[in-house]
């Protein structure tokens, strides 16, 4: 007979982290993460990274630009949350950060032990899969990841994503 389980022994749900941006492949990656979360009893987390403003000498203008950027990011996360809830069955966790996208992704994964998988969509254009995928799948980022990286081909249809997830 075994004794009661401790919090450390409790199975935790898988957290699938997706990076929110304006690319078409992001939607495919989010759908894949939602489907995997639903089938494994996990959750989806959405990270939006605001790149620093180029203008740094005009304090008031910079502050206004930063506030507008934050408002737009929050609106994008809330719109996407409806789709995440519909497909996964749970509300996502939101992360909103400012800085370099790849640095903030790695920093968040290091800081949050609940994140289990990073899910990214690969671009299909002539410029390649995208700078974040290229970095994290290559020598620079792969050695810094403590979680598996799932790269979803950006050219998949929603039906194809559903079939493989």
C-alpha atoms as a PDB file:
ATOM      1  CA  UNK A   1       0.000   0.000   0.000  1.00  0.00           C
ATOM      2  CA  UNK A   2       1.318   3.420  -0.833  1.00  0.00           C
ATOM      3  CA  UNK A   3       0.899   6.646   1.103  1.00  0.00           C
ATOM      4  CA  UNK A   4      -0.624   9.883  -0.112  1.00  0.00           C
ATOM      5  CA  UNK A   5       1.042  11.582  -3.035  1.00  0.00           C
ATOM      6  CA  UNK A   6       2.822  14.878  -2.629  1.00  0.00           C
ATOM      7  CA  UNK A   7       2.518  17.876  -4.953  1.00  0.00           C
ATOM      8  CA  UNK A   8       5.872  16.922  -6.489  1.00  0.00           C
ATOM      9  CA  UNK A   9       4.475  13.493  -7.378  1.00  0.00           C
ATOM     10  CA  UNK A  10       1.250  14.813  -8.927  1.00  0.00           C
ATOM     11  CA  UNK A  11       1.252  14.643 -12.711  1.00  0.00           C
ATOM     12  CA  UNK A  12       1.157  18.134 -14.150  1.00  0.00           C
ATOM     13  CA  UNK A  13      -0.589  19.058 -17.333  1.00  0.00           C
ATOM     14  CA  UNK A  14       1.478  19.790 -20.390  1.00  0.00           C
ATOM     15  CA  UNK A  15       1.781  23.446 -21.361  1.00  0.00           C
ATOM     16  CA  UNK A  16       2.205  24.098 -25.076  1.00  0.00           C
ATOM     17  CA  UNK A  17       3.799  27.518 -25.634  1.00  0.00           C
ATOM     18  CA  UNK A  18       3.103  29.382 -28.889  1.00  0.00           C
ATOM     19  CA  UNK A  19       4.648  32.663 -29.977  1.00  0.00           C
ATOM     20  CA  UNK A  20       2.054  35.122 -31.256  1.00  0.00           C
ATOM     21  CA  UNK A  21       2.994  37.254 -34.253  1.00  0.00           C
ATOM     22  CA  UNK A  22       1.447  38.415 -37.509  1.00  0.00           C
ATOM     23  CA  UNK A  23       2.485  35.450 -39.657  1.00  0.00           C
ATOM     24  CA  UNK A  24       0.089  33.015 -41.331  1.00  0.00           C
ATOM     25  CA  UNK A  25       1.984  30.024 -39.943  1.00  0.00           C
ATOM     26  CA  UNK A  26       1.349  31.185 -36.372  1.00  0.00           C
ATOM     27  CA  UNK A  27      -2.316  30.219 -36.732  1.00  0.00           C
ATOM     28  CA  UNK A  28      -1.385  26.705 -37.838  1.00  0.00           C
ATOM     29  CA  UNK A  29       1.022  26.326 -34.899  1.00  0.00           C
ATOM     30  CA  UNK A  30      -1.634  27.509 -32.443  1.00  0.00           C
ATOM     31  CA  UNK A  31      -4.188  25.079 -33.871  1.00  0.00           C
ATOM     32  CA  UNK A  32      -1.705  22.203 -33.532  1.00  0.00           C
ATOM     33  CA  UNK A  33      -0.935  23.205 -29.926  1.00  0.00           C
ATOM     34  CA  UNK A  34      -4.653  23.424 -29.114  1.00  0.00           C
ATOM     35  CA  UNK A  35      -5.369  20.002 -30.547  1.00  0.00           C
ATOM     36  CA  UNK A  36      -2.423  18.440 -28.701  1.00  0.00           C
ATOM     37  CA  UNK A  37      -3.441  20.175 -25.472  1.00  0.00           C
ATOM     38  CA  UNK A  38      -6.985  18.882 -25.800  1.00  0.00           C
ATOM     39  CA  UNK A  39      -5.890  15.308 -26.507  1.00  0.00           C
ATOM     40  CA  UNK A  40      -3.357  15.229 -23.640  1.00  0.00           C
ATOM     41  CA  UNK A  41      -5.284  17.177 -21.007  1.00  0.00           C
ATOM     42  CA  UNK A  42      -2.870  20.085 -21.352  1.00  0.00           C
ATOM     43  CA  UNK A  43      -3.129  23.822 -21.832  1.00  0.00           C
ATOM     44  CA  UNK A  44      -1.930  26.419 -24.311  1.00  0.00           C
ATOM     45  CA  UNK A  45       0.175  29.442 -23.406  1.00  0.00           C
ATOM     46  CA  UNK A  46       0.500  32.412 -25.747  1.00  0.00           C
ATOM     47  CA  UNK A  47       3.547  34.666 -25.745  1.00  0.00           C
ATOM     48  CA  UNK A  48       3.525  38.028 -27.498  1.00  0.00           C
ATOM     49  CA  UNK A  49       6.847  39.861 -27.571  1.00  0.00           C
ATOM     50  CA  UNK A  50       6.828  43.564 -28.314  1.00  0.00           C
ATOM     51  CA  UNK A  51       9.999  44.600 -30.084  1.00  0.00           C
ATOM     52  CA  UNK A  52      11.560  47.780 -28.626  1.00  0.00           C
ATOM     53  CA  UNK A  53      10.649  50.993 -30.426  1.00  0.00           C
ATOM     54  CA  UNK A  54      13.218  52.405 -32.853  1.00  0.00           C
ATOM     55  CA  UNK A  55      12.755  55.982 -31.622  1.00  0.00           C
ATOM     56  CA  UNK A  56      14.474  56.405 -28.285  1.00  0.00           C
ATOM     57  CA  UNK A  57      15.215  60.126 -28.040  1.00  0.00           C
ATOM     58  CA  UNK A  58      11.650  61.434 -27.763  1.00  0.00           C
ATOM     59  CA  UNK A  59      10.413  60.177 -24.402  1.00  0.00           C
ATOM     60  CA  UNK A  60       6.741  61.133 -24.756  1.00  0.00           C
ATOM     61  CA  UNK A  61       6.493  59.788 -28.294  1.00  0.00           C
ATOM     62  CA  UNK A  62       8.208  56.559 -27.272  1.00  0.00           C
ATOM     63  CA  UNK A  63       5.859  56.125 -24.301  1.00  0.00           C
ATOM     64  CA  UNK A  64       2.818  56.671 -26.521  1.00  0.00           C
ATOM     65  CA  UNK A  65       4.107  54.207 -29.124  1.00  0.00           C
ATOM     66  CA  UNK A  66       4.805  51.623 -26.416  1.00  0.00           C
ATOM     67  CA  UNK A  67       1.294  52.023 -24.972  1.00  0.00           C
ATOM     68  CA  UNK A  68      -0.300  51.650 -28.418  1.00  0.00           C
ATOM     69  CA  UNK A  69       1.818  48.589 -29.120  1.00  0.00           C
ATOM     70  CA  UNK A  70       0.813  47.053 -25.781  1.00  0.00           C
ATOM     71  CA  UNK A  71      -2.886  47.718 -26.434  1.00  0.00           C
ATOM     72  CA  UNK A  72      -2.653  46.099 -29.875  1.00  0.00           C
ATOM     73  CA  UNK A  73      -0.814  43.097 -28.404  1.00  0.00           C
ATOM     74  CA  UNK A  74      -3.430  42.630 -25.681  1.00  0.00           C
ATOM     75  CA  UNK A  75      -6.236  42.832 -28.247  1.00  0.00           C
ATOM     76  CA  UNK A  76      -4.509  40.243 -30.447  1.00  0.00           C
ATOM     77  CA  UNK A  77      -4.095  37.884 -27.475  1.00  0.00           C
ATOM     78  CA  UNK A  78      -7.747  38.237 -26.475  1.00  0.00           C
ATOM     79  CA  UNK A  79      -8.957  37.593 -30.039  1.00  0.00           C
ATOM     80  CA  UNK A  80      -6.763  34.508 -30.267  1.00  0.00           C
ATOM     81  CA  UNK A  81      -7.896  33.307 -26.832  1.00  0.00           C
ATOM     82  CA  UNK A  82     -11.422  32.769 -28.166  1.00  0.00           C
ATOM     83  CA  UNK A  83     -10.097  30.408 -30.845  1.00  0.00           C
ATOM     84  CA  UNK A  84      -7.818  28.643 -28.356  1.00  0.00           C
ATOM     85  CA  UNK A  85     -10.760  28.082 -26.009  1.00  0.00           C
ATOM     86  CA  UNK A  86     -12.950  26.803 -28.839  1.00  0.00           C
ATOM     87  CA  UNK A  87     -10.368  24.301 -30.097  1.00  0.00           C
ATOM     88  CA  UNK A  88      -8.618  23.249 -26.871  1.00  0.00           C
ATOM     89  CA  UNK A  89     -11.497  23.536 -24.427  1.00  0.00           C
ATOM     90  CA  UNK A  90      -9.499  25.705 -22.006  1.00  0.00           C
ATOM     91  CA  UNK A  91      -8.498  29.338 -21.789  1.00  0.00           C
ATOM     92  CA  UNK A  92      -4.847  30.044 -22.586  1.00  0.00           C
ATOM     93  CA  UNK A  93      -2.265  31.600 -20.328  1.00  0.00           C
ATOM     94  CA  UNK A  94      -0.993  34.966 -21.609  1.00  0.00           C
ATOM     95  CA  UNK A  95       2.571  36.239 -21.513  1.00  0.00           C
ATOM     96  CA  UNK A  96       3.336  39.738 -22.766  1.00  0.00           C
ATOM     97  CA  UNK A  97       6.964  40.795 -22.876  1.00  0.00           C
ATOM     98  CA  UNK A  98       9.111  43.498 -24.392  1.00  0.00           C
ATOM     99  CA  UNK A  99      12.506  42.820 -25.950  1.00  0.00           C
ATOM    100  CA  UNK A 100      14.152  40.610 -28.536  1.00  0.00           C
ATOM    101  CA  UNK A 101      11.749  37.801 -29.488  1.00  0.00           C
ATOM    102  CA  UNK A 102      14.216  34.924 -29.352  1.00  0.00           C
ATOM    103  CA  UNK A 103      15.752  36.104 -26.070  1.00  0.00           C
ATOM    104  CA  UNK A 104      12.334  36.500 -24.456  1.00  0.00           C
ATOM    105  CA  UNK A 105      11.184  33.051 -25.619  1.00  0.00           C
ATOM    106  CA  UNK A 106      14.266  31.435 -24.118  1.00  0.00           C
ATOM    107  CA  UNK A 107      14.003  33.518 -20.934  1.00  0.00           C
ATOM    108  CA  UNK A 108      10.349  32.574 -20.414  1.00  0.00           C
ATOM    109  CA  UNK A 109      11.079  28.877 -20.894  1.00  0.00           C
ATOM    110  CA  UNK A 110      13.935  29.112 -18.387  1.00  0.00           C
ATOM    111  CA  UNK A 111      11.777  30.988 -15.851  1.00  0.00           C
ATOM    112  CA  UNK A 112       8.580  28.940 -16.093  1.00  0.00           C
ATOM    113  CA  UNK A 113       9.015  25.255 -15.286  1.00  0.00           C
ATOM    114  CA  UNK A 114       5.396  24.509 -16.251  1.00  0.00           C
ATOM    115  CA  UNK A 115       6.107  25.003 -19.971  1.00  0.00           C
ATOM    116  CA  UNK A 116       6.482  21.556 -21.544  1.00  0.00           C
ATOM    117  CA  UNK A 117       6.693  22.110 -25.303  1.00  0.00           C
ATOM    118  CA  UNK A 118       7.460  25.055 -27.599  1.00  0.00           C
ATOM    119  CA  UNK A 119       5.324  24.971 -30.763  1.00  0.00           C
ATOM    120  CA  UNK A 120       6.312  27.142 -33.731  1.00  0.00           C
ATOM    121  CA  UNK A 121       5.037  27.373 -37.281  1.00  0.00           C
ATOM    122  CA  UNK A 122       7.537  27.287 -40.142  1.00  0.00           C
ATOM    123  CA  UNK A 123       7.149  29.825 -42.906  1.00  0.00           C
ATOM    124  CA  UNK A 124       6.690  28.539 -46.438  1.00  0.00           C
ATOM    125  CA  UNK A 125       8.084  31.486 -48.379  1.00  0.00           C
ATOM    126  CA  UNK A 126      11.411  31.809 -50.162  1.00  0.00           C
ATOM    127  CA  UNK A 127      12.965  33.509 -47.124  1.00  0.00           C
ATOM    128  CA  UNK A 128      12.831  30.208 -45.230  1.00  0.00           C
ATOM    129  CA  UNK A 129      11.100  29.007 -42.085  1.00  0.00           C
ATOM    130  CA  UNK A 130      11.532  32.312 -40.239  1.00  0.00           C
ATOM    131  CA  UNK A 131      14.216  33.772 -37.996  1.00  0.00           C
ATOM    132  CA  UNK A 132      12.903  32.288 -34.746  1.00  0.00           C
ATOM    133  CA  UNK A 133      12.571  28.765 -36.139  1.00  0.00           C
ATOM    134  CA  UNK A 134      15.968  29.032 -37.817  1.00  0.00           C
ATOM    135  CA  UNK A 135      17.661  30.153 -34.606  1.00  0.00           C
ATOM    136  CA  UNK A 136      15.945  27.766 -32.191  1.00  0.00           C
ATOM    137  CA  UNK A 137      16.325  24.727 -34.450  1.00  0.00           C
ATOM    138  CA  UNK A 138      19.966  25.547 -35.146  1.00  0.00           C
ATOM    139  CA  UNK A 139      23.134  25.499 -33.104  1.00  0.00           C
ATOM    140  CA  UNK A 140      22.438  28.790 -31.347  1.00  0.00           C
ATOM    141  CA  UNK A 141      19.113  28.019 -29.733  1.00  0.00           C
ATOM    142  CA  UNK A 142      18.732  24.252 -29.644  1.00  0.00           C
ATOM    143  CA  UNK A 143      21.361  23.863 -26.951  1.00  0.00           C
ATOM    144  CA  UNK A 144      19.579  26.471 -24.797  1.00  0.00           C
ATOM    145  CA  UNK A 145      16.120  24.880 -24.908  1.00  0.00           C
ATOM    146  CA  UNK A 146      15.090  22.731 -21.955  1.00  0.00           C
ATOM    147  CA  UNK A 147      11.852  21.618 -23.661  1.00  0.00           C
ATOM    148  CA  UNK A 148      11.096  19.899 -26.957  1.00  0.00           C
ATOM    149  CA  UNK A 149      10.593  22.130 -29.986  1.00  0.00           C
ATOM    150  CA  UNK A 150       7.750  21.185 -32.306  1.00  0.00           C
ATOM    151  CA  UNK A 151       7.879  22.837 -35.725  1.00  0.00           C
ATOM    152  CA  UNK A 152       4.604  22.714 -37.625  1.00  0.00           C
ATOM    153  CA  UNK A 153       4.829  23.210 -41.399  1.00  0.00           C
ATOM    154  CA  UNK A 154       3.062  26.465 -42.164  1.00  0.00           C
ATOM    155  CA  UNK A 155       1.548  25.129 -45.376  1.00  0.00           C
ATOM    156  CA  UNK A 156      -0.692  22.612 -43.629  1.00  0.00           C
ATOM    157  CA  UNK A 157      -4.444  23.078 -43.786  1.00  0.00           C
ATOM    158  CA  UNK A 158      -6.532  22.989 -40.612  1.00  0.00           C
ATOM    159  CA  UNK A 159      -7.826  19.555 -41.639  1.00  0.00           C
ATOM    160  CA  UNK A 160      -4.261  18.277 -42.051  1.00  0.00           C
ATOM    161  CA  UNK A 161      -3.344  19.647 -38.608  1.00  0.00           C
ATOM    162  CA  UNK A 162      -6.376  17.921 -37.115  1.00  0.00           C
ATOM    163  CA  UNK A 163      -5.392  14.631 -38.741  1.00  0.00           C
ATOM    164  CA  UNK A 164      -1.866  14.644 -37.281  1.00  0.00           C
ATOM    165  CA  UNK A 165      -2.677  16.007 -33.855  1.00  0.00           C
END
